[in-house]
Amino acid sequence: MDLLRIIIAILLPPLGVFLQVGFGGAFWLNILLTLLGYVPGIVHAVWVIARR
């Protein structure tokens, strides 16, 4: 299941974080990072998914 979440996180980082943690602070942080740059959003999303 984590592999599928990582693939989703690469395509749409906020969705991958949402599937992992819901509407928490990490989700909103990921939206901000994705808006500032797509790569930071991906890195944060993969980090959140791999950490849990």
PDB file of N, CA and C in Angstrom:
ATOM      1  N   MET A   1       0.817  -1.194   0.000  1.00  0.00           N
ATOM      2  CA  MET A   1       0.000   0.000   0.000  1.00  0.00           C
ATOM      3  C   MET A   1       0.861   1.258   0.000  1.00  0.00           C
ATOM      4  N   ASP A   2       2.008   1.220   0.689  1.00  0.00           N
ATOM      5  CA  ASP A   2       2.876   2.395   0.707  1.00  0.00           C
ATOM      6  C   ASP A   2       3.432   2.701  -0.677  1.00  0.00           C
ATOM      7  N   LEU A   3       3.696   1.676  -1.470  1.00  0.00           N
ATOM      8  CA  LEU A   3       4.201   1.902  -2.823  1.00  0.00           C
ATOM      9  C   LEU A   3       3.176   2.668  -3.657  1.00  0.00           C
ATOM     10  N   LEU A   4       1.915   2.312  -3.534  1.00  0.00           N
ATOM     11  CA  LEU A   4       0.861   3.020  -4.257  1.00  0.00           C
ATOM     12  C   LEU A   4       0.767   4.472  -3.788  1.00  0.00           C
ATOM     13  N   ARG A   5       0.891   4.702  -2.485  1.00  0.00           N
ATOM     14  CA  ARG A   5       0.848   6.070  -1.956  1.00  0.00           C
ATOM     15  C   ARG A   5       2.038   6.885  -2.446  1.00  0.00           C
ATOM     16  N   ILE A   6       3.198   6.269  -2.566  1.00  0.00           N
ATOM     17  CA  ILE A   6       4.378   6.987  -3.060  1.00  0.00           C
ATOM     18  C   ILE A   6       4.201   7.347  -4.528  1.00  0.00           C
ATOM     19  N   ILE A   7       3.642   6.452  -5.311  1.00  0.00           N
ATOM     20  CA  ILE A   7       3.376   6.754  -6.724  1.00  0.00           C
ATOM     21  C   ILE A   7       2.384   7.902  -6.841  1.00  0.00           C
ATOM     22  N   ILE A   8       1.336   7.883  -6.021  1.00  0.00           N
ATOM     23  CA  ILE A   8       0.364   8.978  -6.011  1.00  0.00           C
ATOM     24  C   ILE A   8       1.035  10.273  -5.570  1.00  0.00           C
ATOM     25  N   ALA A   9       1.942  10.183  -4.579  1.00  0.00           N
ATOM     26  CA  ALA A   9       2.641  11.367  -4.082  1.00  0.00           C
ATOM     27  C   ALA A   9       3.539  11.980  -5.151  1.00  0.00           C
ATOM     28  N   ILE A  10       4.083  11.182  -6.024  1.00  0.00           N
ATOM     29  CA  ILE A  10       4.913  11.718  -7.110  1.00  0.00           C
ATOM     30  C   ILE A  10       4.041  12.435  -8.135  1.00  0.00           C
ATOM     31  N   LEU A  11       2.875  11.894  -8.404  1.00  0.00           N
ATOM     32  CA  LEU A  11       1.976  12.514  -9.385  1.00  0.00           C
ATOM     33  C   LEU A  11       1.239  13.719  -8.805  1.00  0.00           C
ATOM     34  N   LEU A  12       0.718  13.578  -7.589  1.00  0.00           N
ATOM     35  CA  LEU A  12      -0.047  14.634  -6.926  1.00  0.00           C
ATOM     36  C   LEU A  12       0.320  14.639  -5.441  1.00  0.00           C
ATOM     37  N   PRO A  13       1.336  15.380  -5.063  1.00  0.00           N
ATOM     38  CA  PRO A  13       1.837  15.311  -3.685  1.00  0.00           C
ATOM     39  C   PRO A  13       0.793  15.542  -2.584  1.00  0.00           C
ATOM     40  N   PRO A  14      -0.078  16.547  -2.682  1.00  0.00           N
ATOM     41  CA  PRO A  14      -1.048  16.728  -1.594  1.00  0.00           C
ATOM     42  C   PRO A  14      -2.009  15.546  -1.428  1.00  0.00           C
ATOM     43  N   LEU A  15      -2.342  14.889  -2.501  1.00  0.00           N
ATOM     44  CA  LEU A  15      -3.237  13.729  -2.403  1.00  0.00           C
ATOM     45  C   LEU A  15      -2.559  12.587  -1.666  1.00  0.00           C
ATOM     46  N   GLY A  16      -1.282  12.374  -1.926  1.00  0.00           N
ATOM     47  CA  GLY A  16      -0.554  11.326  -1.214  1.00  0.00           C
ATOM     48  C   GLY A  16      -0.485  11.595   0.276  1.00  0.00           C
ATOM     49  N   VAL A  17      -0.260  12.850   0.646  1.00  0.00           N
ATOM     50  CA  VAL A  17      -0.217  13.211   2.068  1.00  0.00           C
ATOM     51  C   VAL A  17      -1.606  13.089   2.676  1.00  0.00           C
ATOM     52  N   PHE A  18      -2.632  13.506   1.958  1.00  0.00           N
ATOM     53  CA  PHE A  18      -3.999  13.398   2.464  1.00  0.00           C
ATOM     54  C   PHE A  18      -4.373  11.948   2.741  1.00  0.00           C
ATOM     55  N   LEU A  19      -3.991  11.050   1.852  1.00  0.00           N
ATOM     56  CA  LEU A  19      -4.302   9.635   2.064  1.00  0.00           C
ATOM     57  C   LEU A  19      -3.576   9.075   3.280  1.00  0.00           C
ATOM     58  N   GLN A  20      -2.442   9.661   3.633  1.00  0.00           N
ATOM     59  CA  GLN A  20      -1.666   9.174   4.776  1.00  0.00           C
ATOM     60  C   GLN A  20      -2.133   9.785   6.088  1.00  0.00           C
ATOM     61  N   VAL A  21      -2.333  11.113   6.128  1.00  0.00           N
ATOM     62  CA  VAL A  21      -2.598  11.785   7.409  1.00  0.00           C
ATOM     63  C   VAL A  21      -3.927  12.526   7.465  1.00  0.00           C
ATOM     64  N   GLY A  22      -4.633  12.670   6.377  1.00  0.00           N
ATOM     65  CA  GLY A  22      -5.890  13.423   6.391  1.00  0.00           C
ATOM     66  C   GLY A  22      -5.621  14.921   6.312  1.00  0.00           C
ATOM     67  N   PHE A  23      -6.580  15.706   6.850  1.00  0.00           N
ATOM     68  CA  PHE A  23      -6.479  17.167   6.766  1.00  0.00           C
ATOM     69  C   PHE A  23      -5.689  17.744   7.927  1.00  0.00           C
ATOM     70  N   GLY A  24      -4.542  17.186   8.229  1.00  0.00           N
ATOM     71  CA  GLY A  24      -3.694  17.681   9.312  1.00  0.00           C
ATOM     72  C   GLY A  24      -2.772  18.787   8.837  1.00  0.00           C
ATOM     73  N   GLY A  25      -1.876  19.179   9.713  1.00  0.00           N
ATOM     74  CA  GLY A  25      -0.928  20.235   9.385  1.00  0.00           C
ATOM     75  C   GLY A  25       0.013  19.850   8.256  1.00  0.00           C
ATOM     76  N   ALA A  26       0.363  18.569   8.183  1.00  0.00           N
ATOM     77  CA  ALA A  26       1.266  18.114   7.117  1.00  0.00           C
ATOM     78  C   ALA A  26       0.616  18.282   5.749  1.00  0.00           C
ATOM     79  N   PHE A  27      -0.690  18.111   5.677  1.00  0.00           N
ATOM     80  CA  PHE A  27      -1.400  18.283   4.406  1.00  0.00           C
ATOM     81  C   PHE A  27      -1.303  19.727   3.921  1.00  0.00           C
ATOM     82  N   TRP A  28      -1.579  20.679   4.816  1.00  0.00           N
ATOM     83  CA  TRP A  28      -1.548  22.093   4.435  1.00  0.00           C
ATOM     84  C   TRP A  28      -0.123  22.548   4.132  1.00  0.00           C
ATOM     85  N   LEU A  29       0.844  22.027   4.877  1.00  0.00           N
ATOM     86  CA  LEU A  29       2.236  22.339   4.587  1.00  0.00           C
ATOM     87  C   LEU A  29       2.620  21.823   3.207  1.00  0.00           C
ATOM     88  N   ASN A  30       2.128  20.647   2.861  1.00  0.00           N
ATOM     89  CA  ASN A  30       2.449  20.084   1.555  1.00  0.00           C
ATOM     90  C   ASN A  30       1.816  20.892   0.430  1.00  0.00           C
ATOM     91  N   ILE A  31       0.620  21.384   0.635  1.00  0.00           N
ATOM     92  CA  ILE A  31       0.002  22.241  -0.386  1.00  0.00           C
ATOM     93  C   ILE A  31       0.846  23.494  -0.590  1.00  0.00           C
ATOM     94  N   LEU A  32       1.305  24.098   0.506  1.00  0.00           N
ATOM     95  CA  LEU A  32       2.152  25.282   0.403  1.00  0.00           C
ATOM     96  C   LEU A  32       3.455  24.968  -0.331  1.00  0.00           C
ATOM     97  N   LEU A  33       4.100  23.860   0.043  1.00  0.00           N
ATOM     98  CA  LEU A  33       5.356  23.483  -0.618  1.00  0.00           C
ATOM     99  C   LEU A  33       5.145  23.168  -2.092  1.00  0.00           C
ATOM    100  N   THR A  34       4.025  22.545  -2.424  1.00  0.00           N
ATOM    101  CA  THR A  34       3.750  22.226  -3.826  1.00  0.00           C
ATOM    102  C   THR A  34       3.504  23.497  -4.631  1.00  0.00           C
ATOM    103  N   LEU A  35       2.852  24.479  -4.014  1.00  0.00           N
ATOM    104  CA  LEU A  35       2.630  25.748  -4.717  1.00  0.00           C
ATOM    105  C   LEU A  35       3.939  26.518  -4.914  1.00  0.00           C
ATOM    106  N   LEU A  36       4.852  26.403  -3.954  1.00  0.00           N
ATOM    107  CA  LEU A  36       6.140  27.088  -4.076  1.00  0.00           C
ATOM    108  C   LEU A  36       7.075  26.394  -5.054  1.00  0.00           C
ATOM    109  N   GLY A  37       6.895  25.102  -5.220  1.00  0.00           N
ATOM    110  CA  GLY A  37       7.714  24.338  -6.151  1.00  0.00           C
ATOM    111  C   GLY A  37       7.281  22.892  -6.111  1.00  0.00           C
ATOM    112  N   TYR A  38       7.149  22.300  -7.249  1.00  0.00           N
ATOM    113  CA  TYR A  38       6.622  20.934  -7.312  1.00  0.00           C
ATOM    114  C   TYR A  38       7.543  19.927  -6.630  1.00  0.00           C
ATOM    115  N   VAL A  39       8.846  20.089  -6.791  1.00  0.00           N
ATOM    116  CA  VAL A  39       9.810  19.137  -6.220  1.00  0.00           C
ATOM    117  C   VAL A  39       9.799  19.155  -4.686  1.00  0.00           C
ATOM    118  N   PRO A  40       9.773  20.330  -4.022  1.00  0.00           N
ATOM    119  CA  PRO A  40       9.678  20.294  -2.564  1.00  0.00           C
ATOM    120  C   PRO A  40       8.406  19.600  -2.067  1.00  0.00           C
ATOM    121  N   GLY A  41       7.327  19.741  -2.800  1.00  0.00           N
ATOM    122  CA  GLY A  41       6.084  19.054  -2.442  1.00  0.00           C
ATOM    123  C   GLY A  41       6.237  17.544  -2.540  1.00  0.00           C
ATOM    124  N   ILE A  42       6.911  17.084  -3.564  1.00  0.00           N
ATOM    125  CA  ILE A  42       7.134  15.643  -3.733  1.00  0.00           C
ATOM    126  C   ILE A  42       8.033  15.110  -2.620  1.00  0.00           C
ATOM    127  N   VAL A  43       9.110  15.824  -2.327  1.00  0.00           N
ATOM    128  CA  VAL A  43      10.041  15.382  -1.283  1.00  0.00           C
ATOM    129  C   VAL A  43       9.320  15.300   0.064  1.00  0.00           C
ATOM    130  N   HIS A  44       8.535  16.305   0.386  1.00  0.00           N
ATOM    131  CA  HIS A  44       7.809  16.300   1.648  1.00  0.00           C
ATOM    132  C   HIS A  44       6.788  15.168   1.685  1.00  0.00           C
ATOM    133  N   ALA A  45       6.076  14.942   0.602  1.00  0.00           N
ATOM    134  CA  ALA A  45       5.062  13.888   0.564  1.00  0.00           C
ATOM    135  C   ALA A  45       5.693  12.510   0.749  1.00  0.00           C
ATOM    136  N   VAL A  46       6.779  12.252   0.066  1.00  0.00           N
ATOM    137  CA  VAL A  46       7.453  10.952   0.201  1.00  0.00           C
ATOM    138  C   VAL A  46       7.998  10.798   1.613  1.00  0.00           C
ATOM    139  N   TRP A  47       8.510  11.880   2.202  1.00  0.00           N
ATOM    140  CA  TRP A  47       9.018  11.834   3.566  1.00  0.00           C
ATOM    141  C   TRP A  47       7.891  11.506   4.567  1.00  0.00           C
ATOM    142  N   VAL A  48       6.742  12.135   4.396  1.00  0.00           N
ATOM    143  CA  VAL A  48       5.603  11.876   5.295  1.00  0.00           C
ATOM    144  C   VAL A  48       5.149  10.425   5.164  1.00  0.00           C
ATOM    145  N   ILE A  49       5.074   9.925   3.953  1.00  0.00           N
ATOM    146  CA  ILE A  49       4.614   8.549   3.738  1.00  0.00           C
ATOM    147  C   ILE A  49       5.638   7.541   4.265  1.00  0.00           C
ATOM    148  N   ALA A  50       6.903   7.785   4.036  1.00  0.00           N
ATOM    149  CA  ALA A  50       7.936   6.842   4.479  1.00  0.00           C
ATOM    150  C   ALA A  50       8.116   6.863   5.999  1.00  0.00           C
ATOM    151  N   ARG A  51       7.846   7.989   6.621  1.00  0.00           N
ATOM    152  CA  ARG A  51       8.027   8.131   8.060  1.00  0.00           C
ATOM    153  C   ARG A  51       6.998   7.328   8.839  1.00  0.00           C
ATOM    154  N   ARG A  52       5.801   7.186   8.342  1.00  0.00           N
ATOM    155  CA  ARG A  52       4.733   6.501   9.080  1.00  0.00           C
ATOM    156  C   ARG A  52       4.653   5.049   8.736  1.00  0.00           C
TER     157      ARG A  52
END
